[in-house]
N, C-alpha and C. Protein backbone atom coordinates (compact mmCIF):
# COMPACT_ATOMS: atom_id res chain seq x y z
N MET A 1 0.85 -1.19 0.00
CA MET A 1 0.00 0.00 0.00
C MET A 1 0.88 1.25 0.00
N ASP A 2 0.47 2.23 -0.72
CA ASP A 2 1.11 3.53 -0.79
C ASP A 2 1.19 4.13 0.62
N ALA A 3 2.37 4.66 1.00
CA ALA A 3 2.58 5.19 2.35
C ALA A 3 1.59 6.29 2.72
N ILE A 4 1.33 7.18 1.79
CA ILE A 4 0.41 8.29 2.09
C ILE A 4 -1.01 7.77 2.24
N VAL A 5 -1.38 6.81 1.43
CA VAL A 5 -2.71 6.19 1.56
C VAL A 5 -2.83 5.53 2.93
N LEU A 6 -1.78 4.81 3.35
CA LEU A 6 -1.79 4.15 4.66
C LEU A 6 -1.96 5.18 5.78
N LEU A 7 -1.22 6.27 5.71
CA LEU A 7 -1.31 7.29 6.76
C LEU A 7 -2.69 7.95 6.76
N ARG A 8 -3.25 8.18 5.59
CA ARG A 8 -4.60 8.75 5.51
C ARG A 8 -5.64 7.78 6.08
N GLU A 9 -5.45 6.48 5.85
CA GLU A 9 -6.35 5.47 6.43
C GLU A 9 -6.28 5.52 7.95
N ASP A 10 -5.08 5.66 8.49
CA ASP A 10 -4.93 5.81 9.94
C ASP A 10 -5.68 7.04 10.42
N HIS A 11 -5.55 8.13 9.69
CA HIS A 11 -6.25 9.37 10.06
C HIS A 11 -7.76 9.14 10.09
N LYS A 12 -8.28 8.43 9.10
CA LYS A 12 -9.72 8.15 9.04
C LYS A 12 -10.15 7.26 10.21
N THR A 13 -9.35 6.28 10.54
CA THR A 13 -9.66 5.38 11.67
C THR A 13 -9.79 6.18 12.95
N VAL A 14 -8.84 7.07 13.18
CA VAL A 14 -8.85 7.88 14.41
C VAL A 14 -10.02 8.85 14.39
N GLU A 15 -10.32 9.44 13.25
CA GLU A 15 -11.45 10.36 13.17
C GLU A 15 -12.76 9.64 13.51
N LYS A 16 -12.92 8.41 13.05
CA LYS A 16 -14.12 7.63 13.40
C LYS A 16 -14.21 7.40 14.90
N LEU A 17 -13.08 7.14 15.53
CA LEU A 17 -13.07 6.98 16.99
C LEU A 17 -13.44 8.28 17.68
N PHE A 18 -12.92 9.40 17.18
CA PHE A 18 -13.26 10.71 17.75
C PHE A 18 -14.77 10.95 17.67
N LYS A 19 -15.34 10.65 16.52
CA LYS A 19 -16.79 10.87 16.35
C LYS A 19 -17.59 9.98 17.31
N ARG A 20 -17.14 8.75 17.49
CA ARG A 20 -17.81 7.86 18.46
C ARG A 20 -17.71 8.44 19.88
N PHE A 21 -16.53 8.95 20.22
CA PHE A 21 -16.34 9.54 21.55
C PHE A 21 -17.27 10.73 21.74
N GLU A 22 -17.37 11.57 20.72
CA GLU A 22 -18.20 12.78 20.81
C GLU A 22 -19.68 12.44 20.99
N LYS A 23 -20.10 11.28 20.55
CA LYS A 23 -21.50 10.88 20.68
C LYS A 23 -21.83 10.25 22.04
N THR A 24 -20.80 9.97 22.84
CA THR A 24 -21.07 9.34 24.13
C THR A 24 -21.72 10.33 25.08
N GLY A 25 -22.54 9.79 25.98
CA GLY A 25 -23.17 10.61 27.00
C GLY A 25 -22.33 10.61 28.28
N ASP A 26 -22.70 11.46 29.20
CA ASP A 26 -21.94 11.58 30.44
C ASP A 26 -21.99 10.32 31.31
N ASP A 27 -22.95 9.43 31.05
CA ASP A 27 -22.97 8.19 31.83
C ASP A 27 -22.35 7.02 31.08
N ASP A 28 -21.79 7.26 29.92
CA ASP A 28 -21.14 6.19 29.14
C ASP A 28 -19.64 6.11 29.45
N LEU A 29 -19.30 6.02 30.73
CA LEU A 29 -17.90 6.09 31.13
C LEU A 29 -17.08 4.92 30.62
N SER A 30 -17.65 3.72 30.65
CA SER A 30 -16.88 2.56 30.18
C SER A 30 -16.67 2.65 28.67
N GLU A 31 -17.65 3.17 27.95
CA GLU A 31 -17.51 3.35 26.50
C GLU A 31 -16.45 4.42 26.20
N ARG A 32 -16.45 5.50 26.96
CA ARG A 32 -15.44 6.54 26.78
C ARG A 32 -14.04 5.99 27.02
N ARG A 33 -13.91 5.18 28.07
CA ARG A 33 -12.61 4.60 28.40
C ARG A 33 -12.14 3.68 27.27
N ALA A 34 -13.06 2.85 26.76
CA ALA A 34 -12.70 1.91 25.69
C ALA A 34 -12.28 2.66 24.43
N ILE A 35 -13.01 3.70 24.07
CA ILE A 35 -12.67 4.48 22.89
C ILE A 35 -11.34 5.18 23.09
N ALA A 36 -11.14 5.77 24.26
CA ALA A 36 -9.88 6.46 24.55
C ALA A 36 -8.71 5.48 24.44
N ASP A 37 -8.89 4.26 24.94
CA ASP A 37 -7.82 3.27 24.85
C ASP A 37 -7.50 2.92 23.39
N GLU A 38 -8.52 2.83 22.55
CA GLU A 38 -8.30 2.58 21.12
C GLU A 38 -7.57 3.76 20.48
N VAL A 39 -7.97 4.97 20.85
CA VAL A 39 -7.30 6.17 20.32
C VAL A 39 -5.83 6.17 20.70
N ILE A 40 -5.54 5.84 21.96
CA ILE A 40 -4.16 5.80 22.44
C ILE A 40 -3.35 4.80 21.62
N GLU A 41 -3.90 3.63 21.42
CA GLU A 41 -3.19 2.59 20.67
C GLU A 41 -2.95 3.03 19.22
N GLU A 42 -3.98 3.55 18.58
CA GLU A 42 -3.87 3.96 17.18
C GLU A 42 -2.88 5.12 17.00
N LEU A 43 -3.01 6.14 17.83
CA LEU A 43 -2.15 7.32 17.66
C LEU A 43 -0.70 7.04 18.05
N THR A 44 -0.50 6.18 19.04
CA THR A 44 0.87 5.84 19.42
C THR A 44 1.57 5.12 18.27
N ALA A 45 0.91 4.13 17.68
CA ALA A 45 1.50 3.39 16.56
C ALA A 45 1.71 4.32 15.36
N HIS A 46 0.74 5.19 15.11
CA HIS A 46 0.81 6.10 13.98
C HIS A 46 1.99 7.07 14.13
N ALA A 47 2.11 7.68 15.29
CA ALA A 47 3.21 8.62 15.53
C ALA A 47 4.55 7.89 15.39
N TRP A 48 4.60 6.67 15.91
CA TRP A 48 5.83 5.88 15.84
C TRP A 48 6.27 5.67 14.39
N ILE A 49 5.37 5.21 13.54
CA ILE A 49 5.77 4.91 12.16
C ILE A 49 6.08 6.18 11.38
N GLU A 50 5.37 7.25 11.68
CA GLU A 50 5.70 8.51 11.00
C GLU A 50 7.12 8.95 11.38
N GLU A 51 7.41 8.92 12.66
CA GLU A 51 8.70 9.43 13.12
C GLU A 51 9.86 8.50 12.77
N GLN A 52 9.64 7.21 12.79
CA GLN A 52 10.70 6.25 12.54
C GLN A 52 10.98 6.04 11.05
N VAL A 53 9.94 6.14 10.22
CA VAL A 53 10.08 5.77 8.82
C VAL A 53 9.69 6.91 7.87
N PHE A 54 8.46 7.40 8.01
CA PHE A 54 7.94 8.33 7.00
C PHE A 54 8.64 9.69 7.01
N TYR A 55 8.75 10.31 8.17
CA TYR A 55 9.32 11.65 8.21
C TYR A 55 10.77 11.69 7.68
N PRO A 56 11.64 10.76 8.11
CA PRO A 56 13.00 10.80 7.55
C PRO A 56 13.02 10.63 6.03
N ALA A 57 12.18 9.73 5.51
CA ALA A 57 12.13 9.52 4.06
C ALA A 57 11.58 10.75 3.35
N ALA A 58 10.57 11.37 3.94
CA ALA A 58 9.97 12.57 3.34
C ALA A 58 10.98 13.72 3.31
N ARG A 59 11.72 13.89 4.39
CA ARG A 59 12.72 14.97 4.43
C ARG A 59 13.78 14.78 3.37
N GLU A 60 14.17 13.52 3.18
CA GLU A 60 15.20 13.22 2.18
C GLU A 60 14.68 13.48 0.77
N ALA A 61 13.47 13.02 0.50
CA ALA A 61 12.91 13.13 -0.85
C ALA A 61 12.44 14.54 -1.19
N ALA A 62 11.91 15.23 -0.18
CA ALA A 62 11.34 16.57 -0.41
C ALA A 62 11.86 17.52 0.67
N PRO A 63 13.11 17.96 0.54
CA PRO A 63 13.73 18.81 1.56
C PRO A 63 12.92 20.07 1.91
N ASP A 64 12.11 20.55 0.98
CA ASP A 64 11.29 21.73 1.24
C ASP A 64 10.23 21.49 2.32
N THR A 65 9.98 20.23 2.65
CA THR A 65 8.98 19.91 3.68
C THR A 65 9.58 19.88 5.08
N THR A 66 10.87 20.10 5.22
CA THR A 66 11.55 19.97 6.51
C THR A 66 10.87 20.79 7.61
N ASP A 67 10.55 22.04 7.36
CA ASP A 67 9.92 22.86 8.39
C ASP A 67 8.57 22.28 8.81
N HIS A 68 7.80 21.80 7.84
CA HIS A 68 6.51 21.17 8.15
C HIS A 68 6.71 19.92 9.01
N ILE A 69 7.71 19.13 8.66
CA ILE A 69 7.97 17.89 9.40
C ILE A 69 8.41 18.20 10.82
N LEU A 70 9.27 19.18 10.99
CA LEU A 70 9.71 19.55 12.34
C LEU A 70 8.53 20.04 13.18
N GLU A 71 7.63 20.80 12.55
CA GLU A 71 6.42 21.23 13.26
C GLU A 71 5.55 20.03 13.62
N SER A 72 5.45 19.07 12.71
CA SER A 72 4.66 17.87 12.98
C SER A 72 5.23 17.09 14.17
N ILE A 73 6.54 17.02 14.26
CA ILE A 73 7.17 16.32 15.39
C ILE A 73 6.83 17.03 16.70
N GLU A 74 6.83 18.35 16.69
CA GLU A 74 6.46 19.09 17.90
C GLU A 74 4.99 18.86 18.25
N GLU A 75 4.14 18.78 17.22
CA GLU A 75 2.73 18.47 17.47
C GLU A 75 2.59 17.07 18.06
N HIS A 76 3.37 16.12 17.56
CA HIS A 76 3.38 14.77 18.14
C HIS A 76 3.77 14.83 19.61
N HIS A 77 4.77 15.66 19.93
CA HIS A 77 5.22 15.78 21.32
C HIS A 77 4.04 16.10 22.24
N ALA A 78 3.27 17.10 21.86
CA ALA A 78 2.11 17.48 22.67
C ALA A 78 1.08 16.35 22.72
N VAL A 79 0.85 15.70 21.60
CA VAL A 79 -0.16 14.64 21.53
C VAL A 79 0.24 13.44 22.38
N VAL A 80 1.48 12.98 22.28
CA VAL A 80 1.85 11.78 23.05
C VAL A 80 1.82 12.03 24.55
N TRP A 81 2.13 13.25 24.96
CA TRP A 81 2.03 13.55 26.40
C TRP A 81 0.57 13.56 26.84
N MET A 82 -0.32 14.12 26.01
CA MET A 82 -1.75 14.06 26.34
C MET A 82 -2.23 12.62 26.39
N LEU A 83 -1.79 11.81 25.44
CA LEU A 83 -2.17 10.40 25.42
C LEU A 83 -1.73 9.70 26.70
N SER A 84 -0.52 10.01 27.16
CA SER A 84 -0.02 9.36 28.38
C SER A 84 -0.84 9.78 29.60
N GLU A 85 -1.32 11.01 29.61
CA GLU A 85 -2.17 11.47 30.73
C GLU A 85 -3.54 10.80 30.65
N ILE A 86 -4.11 10.73 29.46
CA ILE A 86 -5.43 10.10 29.29
C ILE A 86 -5.36 8.62 29.64
N LYS A 87 -4.25 7.99 29.30
CA LYS A 87 -4.07 6.56 29.56
C LYS A 87 -4.25 6.23 31.05
N ASP A 88 -3.78 7.12 31.91
CA ASP A 88 -3.84 6.88 33.35
C ASP A 88 -5.00 7.57 34.05
N MET A 89 -5.87 8.20 33.28
CA MET A 89 -6.95 8.99 33.84
C MET A 89 -8.23 8.18 34.01
N ASP A 90 -8.93 8.43 35.07
CA ASP A 90 -10.24 7.81 35.30
C ASP A 90 -11.25 8.54 34.43
N PRO A 91 -12.07 7.81 33.65
CA PRO A 91 -13.05 8.50 32.80
C PRO A 91 -14.09 9.28 33.59
N ALA A 92 -14.18 9.03 34.90
CA ALA A 92 -15.10 9.80 35.74
C ALA A 92 -14.49 11.15 36.15
N ASP A 93 -13.20 11.31 35.94
CA ASP A 93 -12.53 12.57 36.26
C ASP A 93 -13.19 13.67 35.42
N GLU A 94 -13.50 14.79 36.04
CA GLU A 94 -14.20 15.86 35.32
C GLU A 94 -13.38 16.42 34.15
N ARG A 95 -12.07 16.19 34.15
CA ARG A 95 -11.21 16.70 33.08
C ARG A 95 -11.01 15.71 31.94
N PHE A 96 -11.47 14.48 32.09
CA PHE A 96 -11.25 13.44 31.08
C PHE A 96 -11.81 13.84 29.71
N LYS A 97 -13.08 14.21 29.68
CA LYS A 97 -13.72 14.59 28.42
C LYS A 97 -13.06 15.84 27.84
N ALA A 98 -12.72 16.80 28.68
CA ALA A 98 -12.07 18.03 28.22
C ALA A 98 -10.69 17.72 27.63
N LYS A 99 -9.94 16.85 28.26
CA LYS A 99 -8.62 16.49 27.76
C LYS A 99 -8.74 15.77 26.41
N MET A 100 -9.75 14.90 26.29
CA MET A 100 -9.98 14.23 25.01
C MET A 100 -10.36 15.25 23.94
N SER A 101 -11.15 16.25 24.30
CA SER A 101 -11.55 17.28 23.33
C SER A 101 -10.35 18.07 22.82
N VAL A 102 -9.45 18.42 23.72
CA VAL A 102 -8.25 19.15 23.32
C VAL A 102 -7.36 18.26 22.44
N LEU A 103 -7.25 16.99 22.81
CA LEU A 103 -6.50 16.05 21.99
C LEU A 103 -7.08 15.99 20.58
N MET A 104 -8.39 15.88 20.48
CA MET A 104 -9.04 15.79 19.18
C MET A 104 -8.79 17.04 18.34
N GLU A 105 -8.86 18.21 18.96
CA GLU A 105 -8.59 19.46 18.24
C GLU A 105 -7.16 19.47 17.71
N ASN A 106 -6.22 19.07 18.55
CA ASN A 106 -4.81 19.05 18.13
C ASN A 106 -4.56 18.07 16.99
N VAL A 107 -5.13 16.88 17.11
CA VAL A 107 -4.92 15.87 16.08
C VAL A 107 -5.59 16.29 14.77
N ARG A 108 -6.78 16.82 14.85
CA ARG A 108 -7.46 17.27 13.62
C ARG A 108 -6.66 18.36 12.91
N HIS A 109 -6.11 19.29 13.67
CA HIS A 109 -5.27 20.34 13.09
C HIS A 109 -4.03 19.71 12.42
N HIS A 110 -3.40 18.79 13.12
CA HIS A 110 -2.20 18.11 12.62
C HIS A 110 -2.50 17.37 11.31
N VAL A 111 -3.58 16.64 11.29
CA VAL A 111 -3.98 15.86 10.11
C VAL A 111 -4.24 16.80 8.92
N GLU A 112 -4.95 17.88 9.17
CA GLU A 112 -5.25 18.82 8.10
C GLU A 112 -3.97 19.38 7.49
N GLU A 113 -3.02 19.76 8.34
CA GLU A 113 -1.76 20.31 7.83
C GLU A 113 -1.01 19.27 7.02
N GLU A 114 -0.91 18.05 7.54
CA GLU A 114 -0.19 17.01 6.80
C GLU A 114 -0.84 16.77 5.44
N GLU A 115 -2.13 16.50 5.47
CA GLU A 115 -2.82 16.10 4.24
C GLU A 115 -2.92 17.22 3.21
N GLN A 116 -3.12 18.45 3.68
CA GLN A 116 -3.31 19.56 2.75
C GLN A 116 -2.01 20.27 2.36
N GLU A 117 -1.12 20.45 3.32
CA GLU A 117 0.02 21.32 3.08
C GLU A 117 1.27 20.63 2.57
N TRP A 118 1.54 19.39 3.02
CA TRP A 118 2.82 18.84 2.56
C TRP A 118 2.81 17.41 2.05
N PHE A 119 1.77 16.63 2.31
CA PHE A 119 1.71 15.30 1.69
C PHE A 119 1.76 15.38 0.15
N PRO A 120 1.08 16.37 -0.47
CA PRO A 120 1.16 16.45 -1.94
C PRO A 120 2.59 16.64 -2.46
N ASP A 121 3.39 17.42 -1.74
CA ASP A 121 4.79 17.64 -2.14
C ASP A 121 5.59 16.34 -2.02
N VAL A 122 5.33 15.58 -0.97
CA VAL A 122 6.03 14.31 -0.78
C VAL A 122 5.61 13.33 -1.87
N ARG A 123 4.32 13.28 -2.18
CA ARG A 123 3.84 12.39 -3.25
C ARG A 123 4.54 12.70 -4.57
N LYS A 124 4.61 13.98 -4.89
CA LYS A 124 5.25 14.39 -6.15
C LYS A 124 6.74 14.02 -6.15
N ALA A 125 7.41 14.23 -5.04
CA ALA A 125 8.85 13.97 -4.96
C ALA A 125 9.19 12.49 -4.98
N MET A 126 8.33 11.65 -4.41
CA MET A 126 8.65 10.23 -4.27
C MET A 126 8.17 9.37 -5.43
N GLY A 127 6.99 9.62 -5.90
CA GLY A 127 6.45 8.77 -6.94
C GLY A 127 5.84 7.48 -6.39
N ARG A 128 5.11 6.79 -7.24
CA ARG A 128 4.32 5.62 -6.83
C ARG A 128 5.16 4.47 -6.27
N ASN A 129 6.23 4.09 -6.97
CA ASN A 129 7.02 2.94 -6.53
C ASN A 129 7.66 3.17 -5.17
N ARG A 130 8.24 4.32 -4.99
CA ARG A 130 8.88 4.64 -3.70
C ARG A 130 7.84 4.70 -2.59
N LEU A 131 6.68 5.26 -2.85
CA LEU A 131 5.63 5.33 -1.84
C LEU A 131 5.10 3.95 -1.49
N THR A 132 5.03 3.06 -2.46
CA THR A 132 4.58 1.69 -2.19
C THR A 132 5.61 0.96 -1.33
N GLU A 133 6.87 1.11 -1.68
CA GLU A 133 7.94 0.50 -0.89
C GLU A 133 7.92 1.04 0.55
N LEU A 134 7.74 2.34 0.68
CA LEU A 134 7.68 2.97 2.00
C LEU A 134 6.44 2.51 2.77
N GLY A 135 5.34 2.32 2.08
CA GLY A 135 4.12 1.82 2.72
C GLY A 135 4.34 0.44 3.32
N ASP A 136 5.08 -0.41 2.61
CA ASP A 136 5.40 -1.75 3.14
C ASP A 136 6.23 -1.63 4.42
N ARG A 137 7.18 -0.71 4.42
CA ARG A 137 8.00 -0.49 5.62
C ARG A 137 7.15 0.04 6.77
N LEU A 138 6.21 0.95 6.48
CA LEU A 138 5.34 1.48 7.52
C LEU A 138 4.51 0.36 8.15
N GLU A 139 3.95 -0.49 7.30
CA GLU A 139 3.14 -1.60 7.83
C GLU A 139 3.97 -2.52 8.70
N ALA A 140 5.18 -2.83 8.28
CA ALA A 140 6.05 -3.70 9.07
C ALA A 140 6.41 -3.05 10.41
N GLU A 141 6.70 -1.77 10.37
CA GLU A 141 7.10 -1.04 11.59
C GLU A 141 5.93 -0.90 12.56
N LYS A 142 4.73 -0.82 12.03
CA LYS A 142 3.54 -0.66 12.88
C LYS A 142 3.42 -1.82 13.88
N GLY A 143 3.79 -3.01 13.42
CA GLY A 143 3.74 -4.17 14.30
C GLY A 143 4.76 -4.12 15.43
N LYS A 144 5.77 -3.29 15.27
CA LYS A 144 6.82 -3.15 16.29
C LYS A 144 6.60 -1.93 17.19
N ALA A 145 5.57 -1.17 16.90
CA ALA A 145 5.34 0.08 17.63
C ALA A 145 5.09 -0.18 19.11
N PRO A 146 5.58 0.70 19.96
CA PRO A 146 5.35 0.54 21.40
C PRO A 146 3.89 0.82 21.76
N ARG A 147 3.49 0.35 22.92
CA ARG A 147 2.14 0.63 23.43
C ARG A 147 2.12 1.90 24.28
N ASP A 148 3.28 2.26 24.80
CA ASP A 148 3.40 3.43 25.68
C ASP A 148 3.65 4.68 24.83
N PRO A 149 2.75 5.66 24.90
CA PRO A 149 2.95 6.87 24.10
C PRO A 149 4.28 7.57 24.37
N LEU A 150 4.78 7.45 25.59
CA LEU A 150 6.03 8.14 25.93
C LEU A 150 7.26 7.43 25.37
N ALA A 151 7.07 6.28 24.71
CA ALA A 151 8.16 5.58 24.03
C ALA A 151 8.36 6.10 22.61
N VAL A 152 7.43 6.94 22.14
CA VAL A 152 7.57 7.55 20.82
C VAL A 152 8.68 8.59 20.92
N PRO A 153 9.60 8.64 19.95
CA PRO A 153 10.75 9.55 20.06
C PRO A 153 10.41 11.01 20.37
N SER A 154 9.33 11.52 19.81
CA SER A 154 8.98 12.94 20.03
C SER A 154 8.58 13.23 21.47
N ALA A 155 8.33 12.20 22.28
CA ALA A 155 7.97 12.43 23.68
C ALA A 155 9.12 13.10 24.42
N ASP A 156 10.34 12.82 23.97
CA ASP A 156 11.52 13.42 24.57
C ASP A 156 11.60 14.88 24.12
N SER A 157 11.88 15.76 25.04
CA SER A 157 11.89 17.20 24.71
C SER A 157 13.19 17.64 24.06
N LYS A 158 14.14 16.74 23.93
CA LYS A 158 15.45 17.13 23.35
C LYS A 158 15.46 16.96 21.86
């Protein structure tokens, strides 16, 4: 599968989870917890493969995207720390839903920037064969992704 298609599919998966979360009521605490856990798993693996495989390849192929990629890594930093807090949070905590809402806003902004502002440049620079090869690497790396959001490289502030 084409790397950009794979990343967009991940984005769609997470957006569906966000929409499910937004439809939950205040007494659906176990459902909120289950959805949040799925979000944590999906976003942790996604950030991992982007940072380990996609971003370095994109920077090499399309050097003009470097500033966008560096900004994306900083956005990941904020997201993985929020994920780590949500992971340990009781869904009955009055801040749980608010923290999920802020997470969703941040991720939606991040996705929009990637998909609209610089994925097209990477697609043009890499071409179909390279993107397919990279997609295979992303899929393989996804299986090795950590479960702990703070294990994603961008979690480190250095």
